[in-house]
């Protein structure tokens, strides 16, 4: 995916995402959450805490 595609999928600014990729900036909690949702994985996987790519079961919002 291009940085623009990631921006469109997550709402993370392309400039910020570029700095994250270059190691000049760390992900915020919310950015990590947005990436996990966009890539259908868990924040633990993105952080390197697990090798399991599948996300945890999602909590359904209460109606």
PDB file of N, CA and C in Angstrom:
ATOM      1  N   UNK A   1       0.831  -1.185   0.000  1.00  0.00           N
ATOM      2  CA  UNK A   1       0.000   0.000   0.000  1.00  0.00           C
ATOM      3  C   UNK A   1       0.874   1.245   0.000  1.00  0.00           C
ATOM      4  N   UNK A   2       0.407   2.252  -0.692  1.00  0.00           N
ATOM      5  CA  UNK A   2       1.126   3.525  -0.646  1.00  0.00           C
ATOM      6  C   UNK A   2       0.743   4.275   0.628  1.00  0.00           C
ATOM      7  N   UNK A   3       1.506   5.284   0.960  1.00  0.00           N
ATOM      8  CA  UNK A   3       1.198   6.086   2.139  1.00  0.00           C
ATOM      9  C   UNK A   3      -0.141   6.791   1.986  1.00  0.00           C
ATOM     10  N   UNK A   4      -0.479   7.198   0.780  1.00  0.00           N
ATOM     11  CA  UNK A   4      -1.770   7.842   0.528  1.00  0.00           C
ATOM     12  C   UNK A   4      -2.901   6.841   0.758  1.00  0.00           C
ATOM     13  N   UNK A   5      -2.715   5.599   0.333  1.00  0.00           N
ATOM     14  CA  UNK A   5      -3.736   4.574   0.552  1.00  0.00           C
ATOM     15  C   UNK A   5      -3.919   4.304   2.050  1.00  0.00           C
ATOM     16  N   UNK A   6      -2.813   4.287   2.795  1.00  0.00           N
ATOM     17  CA  UNK A   6      -2.896   4.096   4.245  1.00  0.00           C
ATOM     18  C   UNK A   6      -3.641   5.280   4.861  1.00  0.00           C
ATOM     19  N   UNK A   7      -3.352   6.480   4.408  1.00  0.00           N
ATOM     20  CA  UNK A   7      -4.037   7.661   4.915  1.00  0.00           C
ATOM     21  C   UNK A   7      -5.539   7.557   4.668  1.00  0.00           C
ATOM     22  N   UNK A   8      -5.917   7.135   3.474  1.00  0.00           N
ATOM     23  CA  UNK A   8      -7.335   7.014   3.151  1.00  0.00           C
ATOM     24  C   UNK A   8      -8.014   5.935   3.994  1.00  0.00           C
ATOM     25  N   UNK A   9      -7.305   4.851   4.293  1.00  0.00           N
ATOM     26  CA  UNK A   9      -7.882   3.744   5.053  1.00  0.00           C
ATOM     27  C   UNK A   9      -7.937   4.011   6.556  1.00  0.00           C
ATOM     28  N   UNK A  10      -7.029   4.861   7.047  1.00  0.00           N
ATOM     29  CA  UNK A  10      -6.913   5.040   8.499  1.00  0.00           C
ATOM     30  C   UNK A  10      -7.184   6.456   8.989  1.00  0.00           C
ATOM     31  N   UNK A  11      -7.002   7.429   8.139  1.00  0.00           N
ATOM     32  CA  UNK A  11      -7.116   8.816   8.568  1.00  0.00           C
ATOM     33  C   UNK A  11      -5.824   9.367   9.144  1.00  0.00           C
ATOM     34  N   UNK A  12      -4.769   8.552   9.160  1.00  0.00           N
ATOM     35  CA  UNK A  12      -3.465   9.011   9.647  1.00  0.00           C
ATOM     36  C   UNK A  12      -2.839   9.885   8.563  1.00  0.00           C
ATOM     37  N   UNK A  13      -2.413  11.075   8.931  1.00  0.00           N
ATOM     38  CA  UNK A  13      -1.801  11.994   7.988  1.00  0.00           C
ATOM     39  C   UNK A  13      -0.618  11.343   7.283  1.00  0.00           C
ATOM     40  N   UNK A  14      -0.512  11.541   5.980  1.00  0.00           N
ATOM     41  CA  UNK A  14       0.550  10.921   5.186  1.00  0.00           C
ATOM     42  C   UNK A  14       1.930  11.337   5.677  1.00  0.00           C
ATOM     43  N   UNK A  15       2.089  12.601   6.048  1.00  0.00           N
ATOM     44  CA  UNK A  15       3.377  13.073   6.557  1.00  0.00           C
ATOM     45  C   UNK A  15       3.754  12.390   7.865  1.00  0.00           C
ATOM     46  N   UNK A  16       2.774  12.241   8.747  1.00  0.00           N
ATOM     47  CA  UNK A  16       3.014  11.536  10.012  1.00  0.00           C
ATOM     48  C   UNK A  16       3.371  10.081   9.746  1.00  0.00           C
ATOM     49  N   UNK A  17       2.634   9.444   8.828  1.00  0.00           N
ATOM     50  CA  UNK A  17       2.890   8.036   8.528  1.00  0.00           C
ATOM     51  C   UNK A  17       4.285   7.851   7.932  1.00  0.00           C
ATOM     52  N   UNK A  18       4.710   8.789   7.104  1.00  0.00           N
ATOM     53  CA  UNK A  18       6.055   8.740   6.527  1.00  0.00           C
ATOM     54  C   UNK A  18       7.112   8.767   7.635  1.00  0.00           C
ATOM     55  N   UNK A  19       6.920   9.640   8.616  1.00  0.00           N
ATOM     56  CA  UNK A  19       7.870   9.730   9.738  1.00  0.00           C
ATOM     57  C   UNK A  19       7.866   8.449  10.569  1.00  0.00           C
ATOM     58  N   UNK A  20       6.682   7.832  10.716  1.00  0.00           N
ATOM     59  CA  UNK A  20       6.585   6.572  11.453  1.00  0.00           C
ATOM     60  C   UNK A  20       7.376   5.497  10.718  1.00  0.00           C
ATOM     61  N   UNK A  21       7.203   5.421   9.400  1.00  0.00           N
ATOM     62  CA  UNK A  21       7.934   4.423   8.605  1.00  0.00           C
ATOM     63  C   UNK A  21       9.442   4.626   8.691  1.00  0.00           C
ATOM     64  N   UNK A  22       9.880   5.867   8.763  1.00  0.00           N
ATOM     65  CA  UNK A  22      11.305   6.182   8.809  1.00  0.00           C
ATOM     66  C   UNK A  22      11.887   6.049  10.217  1.00  0.00           C
ATOM     67  N   UNK A  23      11.042   5.768  11.197  1.00  0.00           N
ATOM     68  CA  UNK A  23      11.512   5.643  12.573  1.00  0.00           C
ATOM     69  C   UNK A  23      11.762   6.973  13.248  1.00  0.00           C
ATOM     70  N   UNK A  24      11.262   8.062  12.671  1.00  0.00           N
ATOM     71  CA  UNK A  24      11.446   9.390  13.251  1.00  0.00           C
ATOM     72  C   UNK A  24      10.336   9.742  14.235  1.00  0.00           C
ATOM     73  N   UNK A  25       9.323   8.896  14.271  1.00  0.00           N
ATOM     74  CA  UNK A  25       8.168   9.152  15.121  1.00  0.00           C
ATOM     75  C   UNK A  25       7.549   7.818  15.504  1.00  0.00           C
ATOM     76  N   UNK A  26       6.971   7.735  16.695  1.00  0.00           N
ATOM     77  CA  UNK A  26       6.277   6.527  17.131  1.00  0.00           C
ATOM     78  C   UNK A  26       4.783   6.665  16.894  1.00  0.00           C
ATOM     79  N   UNK A  27       4.128   5.526  16.759  1.00  0.00           N
ATOM     80  CA  UNK A  27       2.682   5.520  16.642  1.00  0.00           C
ATOM     81  C   UNK A  27       2.049   5.937  17.954  1.00  0.00           C
ATOM     82  N   UNK A  28       0.976   6.710  17.867  1.00  0.00           N
ATOM     83  CA  UNK A  28       0.173   6.958  19.063  1.00  0.00           C
ATOM     84  C   UNK A  28      -0.737   5.745  19.253  1.00  0.00           C
ATOM     85  N   UNK A  29      -1.359   5.647  20.401  1.00  0.00           N
ATOM     86  CA  UNK A  29      -2.293   4.553  20.656  1.00  0.00           C
ATOM     87  C   UNK A  29      -3.389   4.552  19.595  1.00  0.00           C
ATOM     88  N   UNK A  30      -3.966   5.711  19.317  1.00  0.00           N
ATOM     89  CA  UNK A  30      -5.069   5.808  18.359  1.00  0.00           C
ATOM     90  C   UNK A  30      -4.603   5.443  16.945  1.00  0.00           C
ATOM     91  N   UNK A  31      -3.417   5.853  16.549  1.00  0.00           N
ATOM     92  CA  UNK A  31      -2.905   5.493  15.225  1.00  0.00           C
ATOM     93  C   UNK A  31      -2.704   3.988  15.114  1.00  0.00           C
ATOM     94  N   UNK A  32      -2.192   3.376  16.176  1.00  0.00           N
ATOM     95  CA  UNK A  32      -2.007   1.930  16.181  1.00  0.00           C
ATOM     96  C   UNK A  32      -3.363   1.232  16.067  1.00  0.00           C
ATOM     97  N   UNK A  33      -4.350   1.732  16.778  1.00  0.00           N
ATOM     98  CA  UNK A  33      -5.709   1.186  16.710  1.00  0.00           C
ATOM     99  C   UNK A  33      -6.270   1.304  15.299  1.00  0.00           C
ATOM    100  N   UNK A  34      -6.089   2.464  14.676  1.00  0.00           N
ATOM    101  CA  UNK A  34      -6.592   2.684  13.315  1.00  0.00           C
ATOM    102  C   UNK A  34      -5.926   1.725  12.325  1.00  0.00           C
ATOM    103  N   UNK A  35      -4.624   1.519  12.460  1.00  0.00           N
ATOM    104  CA  UNK A  35      -3.917   0.586  11.576  1.00  0.00           C
ATOM    105  C   UNK A  35      -4.393  -0.845  11.797  1.00  0.00           C
ATOM    106  N   UNK A  36      -4.578  -1.238  13.049  1.00  0.00           N
ATOM    107  CA  UNK A  36      -5.042  -2.593  13.343  1.00  0.00           C
ATOM    108  C   UNK A  36      -6.413  -2.836  12.726  1.00  0.00           C
ATOM    109  N   UNK A  37      -7.296  -1.861  12.824  1.00  0.00           N
ATOM    110  CA  UNK A  37      -8.623  -2.009  12.217  1.00  0.00           C
ATOM    111  C   UNK A  37      -8.534  -2.058  10.696  1.00  0.00           C
ATOM    112  N   UNK A  38      -7.735  -1.180  10.103  1.00  0.00           N
ATOM    113  CA  UNK A  38      -7.617  -1.118   8.643  1.00  0.00           C
ATOM    114  C   UNK A  38      -7.002  -2.393   8.070  1.00  0.00           C
ATOM    115  N   UNK A  39      -6.041  -2.993   8.785  1.00  0.00           N
ATOM    116  CA  UNK A  39      -5.358  -4.186   8.292  1.00  0.00           C
ATOM    117  C   UNK A  39      -5.926  -5.479   8.876  1.00  0.00           C
ATOM    118  N   UNK A  40      -7.025  -5.348   9.620  1.00  0.00           N
ATOM    119  CA  UNK A  40      -7.714  -6.503  10.198  1.00  0.00           C
ATOM    120  C   UNK A  40      -6.752  -7.400  10.983  1.00  0.00           C
ATOM    121  N   UNK A  41      -6.052  -6.775  11.911  1.00  0.00           N
ATOM    122  CA  UNK A  41      -5.115  -7.489  12.768  1.00  0.00           C
ATOM    123  C   UNK A  41      -5.242  -6.922  14.182  1.00  0.00           C
ATOM    124  N   UNK A  42      -4.351  -7.311  15.072  1.00  0.00           N
ATOM    125  CA  UNK A  42      -4.396  -6.797  16.444  1.00  0.00           C
ATOM    126  C   UNK A  42      -3.263  -5.798  16.677  1.00  0.00           C
ATOM    127  N   UNK A  43      -3.452  -4.972  17.673  1.00  0.00           N
ATOM    128  CA  UNK A  43      -2.398  -4.040  18.044  1.00  0.00           C
ATOM    129  C   UNK A  43      -1.183  -4.804  18.565  1.00  0.00           C
ATOM    130  N   UNK A  44      -1.404  -5.948  19.208  1.00  0.00           N
ATOM    131  CA  UNK A  44      -0.292  -6.778  19.674  1.00  0.00           C
ATOM    132  C   UNK A  44       0.561  -7.251  18.498  1.00  0.00           C
ATOM    133  N   UNK A  45      -0.085  -7.605  17.386  1.00  0.00           N
ATOM    134  CA  UNK A  45       0.665  -8.041  16.206  1.00  0.00           C
ATOM    135  C   UNK A  45       1.493  -6.884  15.653  1.00  0.00           C
ATOM    136  N   UNK A  46       0.899  -5.705  15.581  1.00  0.00           N
ATOM    137  CA  UNK A  46       1.627  -4.537  15.076  1.00  0.00           C
ATOM    138  C   UNK A  46       2.814  -4.190  15.964  1.00  0.00           C
ATOM    139  N   UNK A  47       2.682  -4.448  17.275  1.00  0.00           N
ATOM    140  CA  UNK A  47       3.751  -4.133  18.221  1.00  0.00           C
ATOM    141  C   UNK A  47       4.798  -5.235  18.317  1.00  0.00           C
ATOM    142  N   UNK A  48       4.577  -6.345  17.601  1.00  0.00           N
ATOM    143  CA  UNK A  48       5.534  -7.443  17.632  1.00  0.00           C
ATOM    144  C   UNK A  48       5.424  -8.318  18.867  1.00  0.00           C
ATOM    145  N   UNK A  49       4.290  -8.256  19.551  1.00  0.00           N
ATOM    146  CA  UNK A  49       4.102  -9.045  20.769  1.00  0.00           C
ATOM    147  C   UNK A  49       3.543 -10.435  20.499  1.00  0.00           C
ATOM    148  N   UNK A  50       3.082 -10.666  19.270  1.00  0.00           N
ATOM    149  CA  UNK A  50       2.553 -11.968  18.882  1.00  0.00           C
ATOM    150  C   UNK A  50       2.820 -12.189  17.397  1.00  0.00           C
ATOM    151  N   UNK A  51       2.872 -13.442  17.003  1.00  0.00           N
ATOM    152  CA  UNK A  51       3.014 -13.787  15.592  1.00  0.00           C
ATOM    153  C   UNK A  51       1.665 -14.079  14.952  1.00  0.00           C
ATOM    154  N   UNK A  52       0.605 -14.029  15.743  1.00  0.00           N
ATOM    155  CA  UNK A  52      -0.740 -14.320  15.256  1.00  0.00           C
ATOM    156  C   UNK A  52      -1.306 -13.079  14.590  1.00  0.00           C
ATOM    157  N   UNK A  53      -1.540 -13.179  13.266  1.00  0.00           N
ATOM    158  CA  UNK A  53      -2.021 -12.018  12.513  1.00  0.00           C
ATOM    159  C   UNK A  53      -3.512 -11.752  12.697  1.00  0.00           C
ATOM    160  N   UNK A  54      -4.284 -12.810  13.016  1.00  0.00           N
ATOM    161  CA  UNK A  54      -5.726 -12.651  13.128  1.00  0.00           C
ATOM    162  C   UNK A  54      -6.061 -11.745  14.310  1.00  0.00           C
ATOM    163  N   UNK A  55      -7.067 -10.882  14.137  1.00  0.00           N
ATOM    164  CA  UNK A  55      -7.450  -9.999  15.241  1.00  0.00           C
ATOM    165  C   UNK A  55      -8.224 -10.762  16.307  1.00  0.00           C
ATOM    166  N   UNK A  56      -8.281 -10.175  17.476  1.00  0.00           N
ATOM    167  CA  UNK A  56      -9.127 -10.707  18.530  1.00  0.00           C
ATOM    168  C   UNK A  56     -10.579 -10.478  18.119  1.00  0.00           C
ATOM    169  N   UNK A  57     -11.509 -11.229  18.711  1.00  0.00           N
ATOM    170  CA  UNK A  57     -12.923 -10.960  18.414  1.00  0.00           C
ATOM    171  C   UNK A  57     -13.252  -9.503  18.776  1.00  0.00           C
ATOM    172  N   UNK A  58     -13.943  -8.827  17.887  1.00  0.00           N
ATOM    173  CA  UNK A  58     -14.306  -7.424  18.104  1.00  0.00           C
ATOM    174  C   UNK A  58     -15.525  -7.322  19.009  1.00  0.00           C
ATOM    175  N   UNK A  59     -15.535  -6.304  19.838  1.00  0.00           N
ATOM    176  CA  UNK A  59     -16.686  -6.020  20.687  1.00  0.00           C
ATOM    177  C   UNK A  59     -17.690  -5.246  19.851  1.00  0.00           C
ATOM    178  N   UNK A  60     -18.923  -5.696  19.846  1.00  0.00           N
ATOM    179  CA  UNK A  60     -19.966  -4.996  19.103  1.00  0.00           C
ATOM    180  C   UNK A  60     -20.469  -3.827  19.961  1.00  0.00           C
ATOM    181  N   UNK A  61     -20.618  -2.652  19.350  1.00  0.00           N
ATOM    182  CA  UNK A  61     -21.135  -1.522  20.116  1.00  0.00           C
ATOM    183  C   UNK A  61     -22.565  -1.795  20.581  1.00  0.00           C
ATOM    184  N   UNK A  62     -22.861  -1.323  21.782  1.00  0.00           N
ATOM    185  CA  UNK A  62     -24.209  -1.499  22.308  1.00  0.00           C
ATOM    186  C   UNK A  62     -25.159  -0.568  21.589  1.00  0.00           C
ATOM    187  N   UNK A  63     -26.350  -1.062  21.363  1.00  0.00           N
ATOM    188  CA  UNK A  63     -27.345  -0.242  20.651  1.00  0.00           C
ATOM    189  C   UNK A  63     -28.308   0.376  21.614  1.00  0.00           C
TER     190      UNK A  63
END
